[in-house]
Amino acid sequence: MENKKKMQPKFHIRKGDTVKVIAGNSKGKTGKVTSVLVSKERAIVEGANMITKHLKPNAQNPQGSIEKREGSIHISNLMLIDPATGEATRTGRRLNDNNKLQRFSKKTDKFI
């Protein structure tokens, strides 16, 4: 039998993109994507969806602590910010001059 790999979905958000949160507790906030969790369809955005993490005592921190960190946000609740205009935009993919698929802004119709 042939070994079939699961295809990874293509998202409109990538690591390093600046995005705007359009739904949830952090609605309206903007930030940079630090990582994308492909299997869960979620992303971690700087300064958005802050959660409180309780850390157990260990050798470096014998007292234990409470730490604030970013939680993940579902990809559908994020909108890419167009680098050219600075506004949130929907994205599409089309072939560029080198016959490679590249994202483009549906608002300005230019490649990102």
Protein backbone atom coordinates (compact mmCIF):
# COMPACT_ATOMS: atom_id res chain seq x y z
CA MET A 1 0.00 0.00 0.00
CA GLU A 2 1.05 3.54 -0.67
CA ASN A 3 1.98 5.69 2.34
CA LYS A 4 -0.21 8.78 2.20
CA LYS A 5 0.89 11.91 4.04
CA LYS A 6 -1.61 14.35 5.44
CA MET A 7 -1.41 17.64 3.57
CA GLN A 8 -0.83 20.67 5.77
CA PRO A 9 -3.41 23.39 5.18
CA LYS A 10 -2.30 26.78 3.85
CA PHE A 11 -3.23 29.66 6.13
CA HIS A 12 -3.56 33.36 5.36
CA ILE A 13 -1.36 34.05 8.43
CA ARG A 14 2.34 33.24 8.77
CA LYS A 15 4.96 33.68 11.46
CA GLY A 16 6.23 37.28 11.49
CA ASP A 17 3.04 38.81 10.05
CA THR A 18 1.36 41.75 11.75
CA VAL A 19 -2.27 40.92 12.44
CA LYS A 20 -5.40 42.43 13.97
CA VAL A 21 -7.65 40.44 16.32
CA ILE A 22 -11.23 40.67 15.04
CA ALA A 23 -13.04 38.58 17.68
CA GLY A 24 -12.69 37.55 21.32
CA ASN A 25 -11.44 39.26 24.49
CA SER A 26 -8.55 40.95 22.66
CA LYS A 27 -10.72 42.31 19.84
CA GLY A 28 -9.13 45.34 18.15
CA LYS A 29 -5.56 44.65 19.33
CA THR A 30 -2.73 44.33 16.83
CA GLY A 31 0.50 42.42 17.17
CA LYS A 32 3.14 40.29 15.52
CA VAL A 33 2.59 36.53 15.10
CA THR A 34 5.27 34.68 17.08
CA SER A 35 4.20 31.16 16.09
CA VAL A 36 1.52 29.26 14.20
CA LEU A 37 0.19 25.97 15.57
CA VAL A 38 -0.78 24.24 12.32
CA SER A 39 -2.36 21.12 13.85
CA LYS A 40 -4.67 23.18 16.08
CA GLU A 41 -5.30 25.97 13.51
CA ARG A 42 -4.23 28.58 16.06
CA ALA A 43 -1.60 31.32 16.31
CA ILE A 44 0.17 33.13 19.15
CA VAL A 45 0.16 36.94 18.85
CA GLU A 46 2.37 39.31 20.89
CA GLY A 47 0.36 41.20 23.51
CA ALA A 48 -2.99 39.58 22.70
CA ASN A 49 -5.05 37.00 24.65
CA MET A 50 -2.93 37.24 27.80
CA ILE A 51 -3.36 34.29 30.19
CA THR A 52 -2.10 33.63 33.73
CA LYS A 53 0.16 30.59 34.13
CA HIS A 54 0.90 29.23 37.61
CA LEU A 55 4.41 27.76 37.81
CA LYS A 56 5.36 25.06 40.30
CA PRO A 57 8.35 25.62 42.60
CA ASN A 58 11.64 24.30 41.18
CA ALA A 59 15.39 24.65 41.78
CA GLN A 60 15.66 28.01 39.97
CA ASN A 61 12.46 29.36 41.48
CA PRO A 62 11.90 27.75 44.91
CA GLN A 63 8.90 29.98 45.66
CA GLY A 64 6.98 29.25 42.44
CA SER A 65 5.34 32.11 40.58
CA ILE A 66 2.45 33.41 38.53
CA GLU A 67 3.41 34.40 34.99
CA LYS A 68 1.48 36.31 32.31
CA ARG A 69 1.92 34.98 28.77
CA GLU A 70 0.17 35.02 25.40
CA GLY A 71 -2.43 32.36 24.73
CA SER A 72 -3.28 31.03 21.30
CA ILE A 73 -6.01 32.53 19.10
CA HIS A 74 -7.88 30.70 16.36
CA ILE A 75 -6.71 31.64 12.86
CA SER A 76 -10.24 32.69 11.82
CA ASN A 77 -10.20 35.43 14.48
CA LEU A 78 -7.12 37.11 12.94
CA MET A 79 -6.88 39.45 9.98
CA LEU A 80 -3.64 40.32 8.20
CA ILE A 81 -2.54 43.96 8.20
CA ASP A 82 -1.38 45.10 4.77
CA PRO A 83 2.23 46.37 5.10
CA ALA A 84 1.66 48.99 2.38
CA THR A 85 -1.44 50.69 3.83
CA GLY A 86 -1.44 49.60 7.48
CA GLU A 87 -5.09 48.50 7.28
CA ALA A 88 -6.59 45.06 7.89
CA THR A 89 -7.29 43.20 4.66
CA ARG A 90 -8.49 39.86 3.37
CA THR A 91 -5.97 37.87 1.40
CA GLY A 92 -5.93 35.64 -1.64
CA ARG A 93 -3.26 33.68 -3.48
CA ARG A 94 -2.28 33.96 -7.13
CA LEU A 95 0.69 33.30 -9.37
CA ASN A 96 3.31 36.04 -9.45
CA ASP A 97 5.78 36.84 -12.27
CA ASN A 98 7.95 33.82 -11.37
CA ASN A 99 4.96 31.40 -11.53
CA LYS A 100 4.93 30.95 -7.76
CA LEU A 101 1.83 31.24 -5.57
CA GLN A 102 2.04 34.40 -3.50
CA ARG A 103 -0.41 36.12 -1.15
CA PHE A 104 -2.05 39.36 -2.26
CA SER A 105 -4.21 41.97 -0.55
CA LYS A 106 -7.80 41.95 -1.76
CA LYS A 107 -8.14 45.60 -0.72
CA THR A 108 -5.22 46.99 -2.76
CA ASP A 109 -4.81 44.02 -5.16
CA LYS A 110 -1.01 44.05 -4.58
CA PHE A 111 1.30 41.23 -3.55
CA ILE A 112 2.30 40.97 0.13
